């Protein structure tokens, strides 16, 4: 995701780095709104509905603040 943003900025905004230090400073100054996506799917029947619910709540309570987890 960060690689895509850097490449998009270079292409769209004409950003050019003369030295590797310029690139490092640019990356360090990027906003910290990078979101991680983790897709989770469950396969279950009527017997395991409660166990699946507990697992889903546990995952959501213990995830990082910048992680988006869709249950499929």
PDB file of N, CA and C in Angstrom:
ATOM      1  N   UNK A   1       0.814  -1.180   0.000  1.00  0.00           N
ATOM      2  CA  UNK A   1       0.000   0.000   0.000  1.00  0.00           C
ATOM      3  C   UNK A   1       0.872   1.264   0.000  1.00  0.00           C
ATOM      4  N   UNK A   2       1.886   1.279   0.826  1.00  0.00           N
ATOM      5  CA  UNK A   2       2.786   2.430   0.870  1.00  0.00           C
ATOM      6  C   UNK A   2       3.558   2.540  -0.441  1.00  0.00           C
ATOM      7  N   UNK A   3       3.896   1.376  -1.031  1.00  0.00           N
ATOM      8  CA  UNK A   3       4.602   1.386  -2.315  1.00  0.00           C
ATOM      9  C   UNK A   3       3.720   1.995  -3.397  1.00  0.00           C
ATOM     10  N   UNK A   4       2.430   1.676  -3.373  1.00  0.00           N
ATOM     11  CA  UNK A   4       1.503   2.229  -4.349  1.00  0.00           C
ATOM     12  C   UNK A   4       1.400   3.744  -4.206  1.00  0.00           C
ATOM     13  N   UNK A   5       1.343   4.245  -2.964  1.00  0.00           N
ATOM     14  CA  UNK A   5       1.252   5.691  -2.745  1.00  0.00           C
ATOM     15  C   UNK A   5       2.501   6.392  -3.255  1.00  0.00           C
ATOM     16  N   UNK A   6       3.662   5.849  -2.970  1.00  0.00           N
ATOM     17  CA  UNK A   6       4.912   6.461  -3.422  1.00  0.00           C
ATOM     18  C   UNK A   6       4.962   6.498  -4.952  1.00  0.00           C
ATOM     19  N   UNK A   7       4.635   5.387  -5.588  1.00  0.00           N
ATOM     20  CA  UNK A   7       4.662   5.338  -7.052  1.00  0.00           C
ATOM     21  C   UNK A   7       3.638   6.282  -7.663  1.00  0.00           C
ATOM     22  N   UNK A   8       2.450   6.389  -7.041  1.00  0.00           N
ATOM     23  CA  UNK A   8       1.431   7.300  -7.539  1.00  0.00           C
ATOM     24  C   UNK A   8       1.900   8.748  -7.418  1.00  0.00           C
ATOM     25  N   UNK A   9       2.511   9.105  -6.280  1.00  0.00           N
ATOM     26  CA  UNK A   9       3.020  10.467  -6.093  1.00  0.00           C
ATOM     27  C   UNK A   9       4.123  10.791  -7.096  1.00  0.00           C
ATOM     28  N   UNK A  10       4.988   9.840  -7.331  1.00  0.00           N
ATOM     29  CA  UNK A  10       6.077  10.062  -8.286  1.00  0.00           C
ATOM     30  C   UNK A  10       5.511  10.279  -9.684  1.00  0.00           C
ATOM     31  N   UNK A  11       4.551   9.461 -10.070  1.00  0.00           N
ATOM     32  CA  UNK A  11       3.980   9.551 -11.418  1.00  0.00           C
ATOM     33  C   UNK A  11       3.092  10.778 -11.579  1.00  0.00           C
ATOM     34  N   UNK A  12       2.149  10.977 -10.649  1.00  0.00           N
ATOM     35  CA  UNK A  12       1.160  12.052 -10.800  1.00  0.00           C
ATOM     36  C   UNK A  12       1.725  13.434 -10.478  1.00  0.00           C
ATOM     37  N   UNK A  13       2.558  13.514  -9.464  1.00  0.00           N
ATOM     38  CA  UNK A  13       3.037  14.818  -9.007  1.00  0.00           C
ATOM     39  C   UNK A  13       4.439  15.150  -9.509  1.00  0.00           C
ATOM     40  N   UNK A  14       5.052  14.250 -10.248  1.00  0.00           N
ATOM     41  CA  UNK A  14       6.375  14.523 -10.783  1.00  0.00           C
ATOM     42  C   UNK A  14       7.457  14.621  -9.721  1.00  0.00           C
ATOM     43  N   UNK A  15       7.295  13.876  -8.638  1.00  0.00           N
ATOM     44  CA  UNK A  15       8.301  13.907  -7.569  1.00  0.00           C
ATOM     45  C   UNK A  15       9.544  13.170  -8.045  1.00  0.00           C
ATOM     46  N   UNK A  16      10.676  13.769  -7.815  1.00  0.00           N
ATOM     47  CA  UNK A  16      11.950  13.187  -8.241  1.00  0.00           C
ATOM     48  C   UNK A  16      12.908  13.195  -7.061  1.00  0.00           C
ATOM     49  N   UNK A  17      13.545  12.064  -6.802  1.00  0.00           N
ATOM     50  CA  UNK A  17      14.495  11.952  -5.695  1.00  0.00           C
ATOM     51  C   UNK A  17      15.906  11.908  -6.249  1.00  0.00           C
ATOM     52  N   UNK A  18      16.723  12.875  -5.885  1.00  0.00           N
ATOM     53  CA  UNK A  18      18.104  12.917  -6.345  1.00  0.00           C
ATOM     54  C   UNK A  18      18.984  11.965  -5.562  1.00  0.00           C
ATOM     55  N   UNK A  19      18.657  11.798  -4.285  1.00  0.00           N
ATOM     56  CA  UNK A  19      19.441  10.919  -3.418  1.00  0.00           C
ATOM     57  C   UNK A  19      18.507   9.990  -2.671  1.00  0.00           C
ATOM     58  N   UNK A  20      19.028   8.891  -2.197  1.00  0.00           N
ATOM     59  CA  UNK A  20      18.237   7.942  -1.418  1.00  0.00           C
ATOM     60  C   UNK A  20      17.759   8.584  -0.125  1.00  0.00           C
ATOM     61  N   UNK A  21      18.520   9.539   0.411  1.00  0.00           N
ATOM     62  CA  UNK A  21      18.102  10.215   1.636  1.00  0.00           C
ATOM     63  C   UNK A  21      16.800  10.993   1.423  1.00  0.00           C
ATOM     64  N   UNK A  22      16.623  11.560   0.239  1.00  0.00           N
ATOM     65  CA  UNK A  22      15.380  12.275  -0.060  1.00  0.00           C
ATOM     66  C   UNK A  22      14.191  11.327  -0.041  1.00  0.00           C
ATOM     67  N   UNK A  23      14.378  10.132  -0.579  1.00  0.00           N
ATOM     68  CA  UNK A  23      13.319   9.130  -0.570  1.00  0.00           C
ATOM     69  C   UNK A  23      12.999   8.701   0.857  1.00  0.00           C
ATOM     70  N   UNK A  24      14.013   8.499   1.682  1.00  0.00           N
ATOM     71  CA  UNK A  24      13.804   8.083   3.068  1.00  0.00           C
ATOM     72  C   UNK A  24      13.036   9.153   3.840  1.00  0.00           C
ATOM     73  N   UNK A  25      13.412  10.397   3.664  1.00  0.00           N
ATOM     74  CA  UNK A  25      12.715  11.498   4.345  1.00  0.00           C
ATOM     75  C   UNK A  25      11.262  11.578   3.879  1.00  0.00           C
ATOM     76  N   UNK A  26      11.043  11.366   2.581  1.00  0.00           N
ATOM     77  CA  UNK A  26       9.682  11.387   2.042  1.00  0.00           C
ATOM     78  C   UNK A  26       8.829  10.286   2.684  1.00  0.00           C
ATOM     79  N   UNK A  27       9.372   9.072   2.772  1.00  0.00           N
ATOM     80  CA  UNK A  27       8.627   7.947   3.345  1.00  0.00           C
ATOM     81  C   UNK A  27       8.354   8.188   4.826  1.00  0.00           C
ATOM     82  N   UNK A  28       9.313   8.724   5.564  1.00  0.00           N
ATOM     83  CA  UNK A  28       9.110   8.968   6.987  1.00  0.00           C
ATOM     84  C   UNK A  28       8.065  10.046   7.241  1.00  0.00           C
ATOM     85  N   UNK A  29       7.847  10.927   6.296  1.00  0.00           N
ATOM     86  CA  UNK A  29       6.868  11.997   6.467  1.00  0.00           C
ATOM     87  C   UNK A  29       5.484  11.647   5.943  1.00  0.00           C
ATOM     88  N   UNK A  30       5.287  10.424   5.461  1.00  0.00           N
ATOM     89  CA  UNK A  30       3.960  10.017   5.011  1.00  0.00           C
ATOM     90  C   UNK A  30       3.026   9.922   6.208  1.00  0.00           C
ATOM     91  N   UNK A  31       1.741  10.196   6.019  1.00  0.00           N
ATOM     92  CA  UNK A  31       0.804  10.092   7.143  1.00  0.00           C
ATOM     93  C   UNK A  31       0.676   8.649   7.617  1.00  0.00           C
ATOM     94  N   UNK A  32       0.354   8.486   8.880  1.00  0.00           N
ATOM     95  CA  UNK A  32       0.255   7.156   9.482  1.00  0.00           C
ATOM     96  C   UNK A  32      -1.143   6.570   9.353  1.00  0.00           C
ATOM     97  N   UNK A  33      -1.810   6.866   8.277  1.00  0.00           N
ATOM     98  CA  UNK A  33      -3.157   6.352   8.082  1.00  0.00           C
ATOM     99  C   UNK A  33      -3.163   5.084   7.243  1.00  0.00           C
ATOM    100  N   UNK A  34      -2.090   4.366   7.265  1.00  0.00           N
ATOM    101  CA  UNK A  34      -2.000   3.126   6.511  1.00  0.00           C
ATOM    102  C   UNK A  34      -2.848   2.075   7.224  1.00  0.00           C
ATOM    103  N   UNK A  35      -3.729   1.441   6.484  1.00  0.00           N
ATOM    104  CA  UNK A  35      -4.645   0.474   7.062  1.00  0.00           C
ATOM    105  C   UNK A  35      -4.289  -0.915   6.547  1.00  0.00           C
ATOM    106  N   UNK A  36      -4.235  -1.847   7.456  1.00  0.00           N
ATOM    107  CA  UNK A  36      -3.991  -3.244   7.093  1.00  0.00           C
ATOM    108  C   UNK A  36      -5.340  -3.945   6.936  1.00  0.00           C
ATOM    109  N   UNK A  37      -5.466  -4.764   5.922  1.00  0.00           N
ATOM    110  CA  UNK A  37      -6.683  -5.519   5.666  1.00  0.00           C
ATOM    111  C   UNK A  37      -6.409  -6.996   5.885  1.00  0.00           C
ATOM    112  N   UNK A  38      -7.238  -7.612   6.700  1.00  0.00           N
ATOM    113  CA  UNK A  38      -7.149  -9.052   6.919  1.00  0.00           C
ATOM    114  C   UNK A  38      -8.558  -9.622   6.752  1.00  0.00           C
ATOM    115  N   UNK A  39      -8.772 -10.380   5.707  1.00  0.00           N
ATOM    116  CA  UNK A  39     -10.079 -11.008   5.493  1.00  0.00           C
ATOM    117  C   UNK A  39     -10.103 -12.355   6.180  1.00  0.00           C
ATOM    118  N   UNK A  40     -11.183 -12.613   6.909  1.00  0.00           N
ATOM    119  CA  UNK A  40     -11.317 -13.872   7.651  1.00  0.00           C
ATOM    120  C   UNK A  40     -12.642 -14.507   7.256  1.00  0.00           C
ATOM    121  N   UNK A  41     -12.612 -15.794   6.987  1.00  0.00           N
ATOM    122  CA  UNK A  41     -13.850 -16.515   6.683  1.00  0.00           C
ATOM    123  C   UNK A  41     -13.960 -17.727   7.599  1.00  0.00           C
ATOM    124  N   UNK A  42     -15.179 -18.055   7.925  1.00  0.00           N
ATOM    125  CA  UNK A  42     -15.484 -19.214   8.755  1.00  0.00           C
ATOM    126  C   UNK A  42     -16.402 -20.139   7.983  1.00  0.00           C
ATOM    127  N   UNK A  43     -16.206 -21.411   8.181  1.00  0.00           N
ATOM    128  CA  UNK A  43     -17.103 -22.425   7.635  1.00  0.00           C
ATOM    129  C   UNK A  43     -17.644 -23.200   8.831  1.00  0.00           C
ATOM    130  N   UNK A  44     -18.950 -23.155   9.036  1.00  0.00           N
ATOM    131  CA  UNK A  44     -19.505 -23.738  10.250  1.00  0.00           C
ATOM    132  C   UNK A  44     -20.896 -24.265  10.009  1.00  0.00           C
ATOM    133  N   UNK A  45     -21.395 -24.956  11.031  1.00  0.00           N
ATOM    134  CA  UNK A  45     -22.781 -25.400  11.026  1.00  0.00           C
ATOM    135  C   UNK A  45     -23.434 -24.912  12.320  1.00  0.00           C
ATOM    136  N   UNK A  46     -24.650 -25.344  12.596  1.00  0.00           N
ATOM    137  CA  UNK A  46     -25.403 -24.845  13.750  1.00  0.00           C
ATOM    138  C   UNK A  46     -24.737 -25.140  15.090  1.00  0.00           C
ATOM    139  N   UNK A  47     -23.928 -26.141  15.168  1.00  0.00           N
ATOM    140  CA  UNK A  47     -23.298 -26.523  16.433  1.00  0.00           C
ATOM    141  C   UNK A  47     -22.246 -25.504  16.859  1.00  0.00           C
ATOM    142  N   UNK A  48     -21.563 -24.876  15.915  1.00  0.00           N
ATOM    143  CA  UNK A  48     -20.422 -24.020  16.234  1.00  0.00           C
ATOM    144  C   UNK A  48     -20.720 -22.518  16.129  1.00  0.00           C
ATOM    145  N   UNK A  49     -21.985 -22.126  16.109  1.00  0.00           N
ATOM    146  CA  UNK A  49     -22.316 -20.706  15.979  1.00  0.00           C
ATOM    147  C   UNK A  49     -21.800 -19.909  17.172  1.00  0.00           C
ATOM    148  N   UNK A  50     -22.009 -20.380  18.375  1.00  0.00           N
ATOM    149  CA  UNK A  50     -21.553 -19.659  19.567  1.00  0.00           C
ATOM    150  C   UNK A  50     -20.029 -19.561  19.595  1.00  0.00           C
ATOM    151  N   UNK A  51     -19.332 -20.645  19.269  1.00  0.00           N
ATOM    152  CA  UNK A  51     -17.867 -20.626  19.240  1.00  0.00           C
ATOM    153  C   UNK A  51     -17.349 -19.628  18.195  1.00  0.00           C
ATOM    154  N   UNK A  52     -17.999 -19.573  17.051  1.00  0.00           N
ATOM    155  CA  UNK A  52     -17.604 -18.630  16.003  1.00  0.00           C
ATOM    156  C   UNK A  52     -17.836 -17.197  16.459  1.00  0.00           C
ATOM    157  N   UNK A  53     -18.955 -16.955  17.121  1.00  0.00           N
ATOM    158  CA  UNK A  53     -19.246 -15.623  17.642  1.00  0.00           C
ATOM    159  C   UNK A  53     -18.169 -15.187  18.640  1.00  0.00           C
ATOM    160  N   UNK A  54     -17.786 -16.066  19.545  1.00  0.00           N
ATOM    161  CA  UNK A  54     -16.744 -15.748  20.523  1.00  0.00           C
ATOM    162  C   UNK A  54     -15.416 -15.468  19.828  1.00  0.00           C
ATOM    163  N   UNK A  55     -15.076 -16.242  18.817  1.00  0.00           N
ATOM    164  CA  UNK A  55     -13.836 -16.024  18.075  1.00  0.00           C
ATOM    165  C   UNK A  55     -13.851 -14.674  17.363  1.00  0.00           C
ATOM    166  N   UNK A  56     -14.967 -14.319  16.763  1.00  0.00           N
ATOM    167  CA  UNK A  56     -15.071 -13.045  16.055  1.00  0.00           C
ATOM    168  C   UNK A  56     -14.935 -11.865  17.020  1.00  0.00           C
ATOM    169  N   UNK A  57     -15.578 -11.941  18.159  1.00  0.00           N
ATOM    170  CA  UNK A  57     -15.482 -10.867  19.153  1.00  0.00           C
ATOM    171  C   UNK A  57     -14.052 -10.760  19.666  1.00  0.00           C
ATOM    172  N   UNK A  58     -13.407 -11.883  19.906  1.00  0.00           N
ATOM    173  CA  UNK A  58     -12.023 -11.868  20.382  1.00  0.00           C
ATOM    174  C   UNK A  58     -11.086 -11.239  19.357  1.00  0.00           C
ATOM    175  N   UNK A  59     -11.273 -11.579  18.099  1.00  0.00           N
ATOM    176  CA  UNK A  59     -10.441 -11.004  17.031  1.00  0.00           C
ATOM    177  C   UNK A  59     -10.630  -9.490  16.974  1.00  0.00           C
ATOM    178  N   UNK A  60     -11.863  -9.033  17.031  1.00  0.00           N
ATOM    179  CA  UNK A  60     -12.129  -7.601  16.939  1.00  0.00           C
ATOM    180  C   UNK A  60     -11.621  -6.831  18.159  1.00  0.00           C
ATOM    181  N   UNK A  61     -11.672  -7.435  19.333  1.00  0.00           N
ATOM    182  CA  UNK A  61     -11.186  -6.770  20.537  1.00  0.00           C
ATOM    183  C   UNK A  61      -9.666  -6.695  20.593  1.00  0.00           C
ATOM    184  N   UNK A  62      -8.969  -7.608  19.949  1.00  0.00           N
ATOM    185  CA  UNK A  62      -7.510  -7.684  20.062  1.00  0.00           C
ATOM    186  C   UNK A  62      -6.754  -7.221  18.826  1.00  0.00           C
ATOM    187  N   UNK A  63      -7.450  -6.673  17.844  1.00  0.00           N
ATOM    188  CA  UNK A  63      -6.780  -6.214  16.627  1.00  0.00           C
ATOM    189  C   UNK A  63      -6.143  -4.849  16.863  1.00  0.00           C
ATOM    190  N   UNK A  64      -5.214  -4.477  15.995  1.00  0.00           N
ATOM    191  CA  UNK A  64      -4.616  -3.141  16.035  1.00  0.00           C
ATOM    192  C   UNK A  64      -5.638  -2.120  15.570  1.00  0.00           C
ATOM    193  N   UNK A  65      -5.460  -0.882  15.985  1.00  0.00           N
ATOM    194  CA  UNK A  65      -6.415   0.178  15.636  1.00  0.00           C
ATOM    195  C   UNK A  65      -6.431   0.462  14.141  1.00  0.00           C
ATOM    196  N   UNK A  66      -5.348   0.199  13.436  1.00  0.00           N
ATOM    197  CA  UNK A  66      -5.284   0.509  12.007  1.00  0.00           C
ATOM    198  C   UNK A  66      -5.512  -0.721  11.137  1.00  0.00           C
ATOM    199  N   UNK A  67      -6.158  -1.730  11.682  1.00  0.00           N
ATOM    200  CA  UNK A  67      -6.429  -2.952  10.927  1.00  0.00           C
ATOM    201  C   UNK A  67      -7.925  -3.080  10.678  1.00  0.00           C
ATOM    202  N   UNK A  68      -8.290  -3.316   9.435  1.00  0.00           N
ATOM    203  CA  UNK A  68      -9.677  -3.524   9.040  1.00  0.00           C
ATOM    204  C   UNK A  68      -9.861  -5.020   8.777  1.00  0.00           C
ATOM    205  N   UNK A  69     -10.826  -5.624   9.457  1.00  0.00           N
ATOM    206  CA  UNK A  69     -11.038  -7.060   9.335  1.00  0.00           C
ATOM    207  C   UNK A  69     -12.473  -7.331   8.890  1.00  0.00           C
ATOM    208  N   UNK A  70     -12.700  -7.626   7.622  1.00  0.00           N
ATOM    209  CA  UNK A  70     -14.030  -8.050   7.185  1.00  0.00           C
ATOM    210  C   UNK A  70     -14.183  -9.561   7.354  1.00  0.00           C
ATOM    211  N   UNK A  71     -15.319  -9.969   7.883  1.00  0.00           N
ATOM    212  CA  UNK A  71     -15.623 -11.403   8.005  1.00  0.00           C
ATOM    213  C   UNK A  71     -16.460 -11.796   6.797  1.00  0.00           C
ATOM    214  N   UNK A  72     -15.968 -12.776   6.072  1.00  0.00           N
ATOM    215  CA  UNK A  72     -16.633 -13.189   4.832  1.00  0.00           C
ATOM    216  C   UNK A  72     -17.392 -14.476   5.082  1.00  0.00           C
TER     217      UNK A  72
END
